[in-house]
Amino acid sequence: MKLSKLTTLVFVLGAILYSSKVDAQNVPNILESARESRLLLVQVNLENAESYHDQGVARYESGDLQGAIEDYNQALRINPNHVGAYINRGNARRELGDFKEAIENYNQALRINPNLAEAYYNRGVVRYESRDIKGAIEDYNQAIRLNPNLALAYLNRGGVRAQLGDINEAIEDFNQALRLDSNLALAHYNRGLTRGMLGDVKGAIEDYNQAIRLNPNDADIYNNRGFARLLSGDLKEAIENFTQALRIDPSLAITHNNRGLARFKIGDLKGAIEDFTQALRIDPSLALAQNSQDSNPGQLEDVKGTIAKLQKVAKLFKEEGKIAEYQYTLDLIKKINIEQSGLYENGQPFLEVQAREQGDNYIKLKFCAEMGEKFQIRVTLNNATITEKFVI
């Protein structure tokens, strides 16, 4: 049986806000002051660029991006060399999707002061989102050179290195991020993923445990820990993890797929097919979910017995009026029969052809679980945006 799992490598794509005065504790107070006495603030500090800048930070924190940009513009009219206004205006531009203008703002800040780790870090985030991977790494390198204690720069550089296949270097970056901030859940999550890539399933589970301790409501972490449990042969724990992930987010098609596979392996064919069908119902384009269930007769102890059970399940689905599940079961029986006959496509194994057709963004990896079985896993390293803002 071949396993397929989409996992997500997470990057911190929230920007670091620059301010010499504003910190996470006093932003709410500044915001309240800005709402209640903006007119007075401007009248009293008409020539004070810092006041406009701080008010822009407060607006940014409240989600008023255009208002923040207006304040940063005003600060720069008064003081064209205000690096904080350039950096934070770049952050607002980035959140509006204007990557070109965001980068230009960071560039201008660096022209004024080339030693700003925040500007390099934020520009690295935007370059990554713009698919300039080389530029992103260069910026993270500069940010780390200027501020060796910037944990987020190590976290994101590790993510980019993992995408490039530099897994050991990525893990070292995640290690350093955790040395600086042991409560960085995303670093545990990413290190767990990359440890899994090297076949260190035990280490992956340990990291997922820590990530869940720090962030118990993240469905992806439960999904990934369940997948690691599946690789280690702990099917009961795997199913419990997948189920917990689905309690948090029932729309995770790939988690239905994974739980279906675990159920299939324990002989719960009906439950497995219900999960497989739900995966496709949620995401009809998820051909991976369908392809992943092609059975390898070499790993099925009793092919004929399995087919007989599936025929009974198909009959049950038909009686219950579950047409999609019924059709899925018939298709699965057909595929088992196809592989049993050794069908090849253009002289190549049918499943290998299907795997290649999934696209270039899949990285084929082989994991060897403790039970000795080998699984081929396709991992896509997409990014995910988090909503936290970091203020220094």
Foldseek 3Di string as FASTA:
>chain_A
DFDAFAAAQAAALFAAQEDPPDAPVCLVVLLVCCVPQVVVLCVVPVLPLNSLQSNLVSCVVVVNLVSSLVSLVSSCVSPVLPLNSLQVNLSSCVVVVNLVSSLVSLVSSCVSPVLDLRSLQNNLSSCVVVVVLVSNLVSLVSSCVSPVLPLSSLSNNLLSCVLVVVLVSSLVSLVSSCVSPVLPLSSLQNNLVSCVLVQNLVSSLVSLVSSCVNPVLALSSLQVNLVSCVLQVVLVSSLVSLVSSCVSPVLQLSSLLSNLVSCVVVPVNLSSLVSLLSSCVSPVVPVVSLLSLQDQVVPDPDLPVVLVVLVVSLVVCVVVVVVSSNVSSVVNSVSNVCVVVVDPDPPHGPSVVVVPVVDDQWDWGWHQHPVGDIHTYTYGHDYDYDDDYHYD
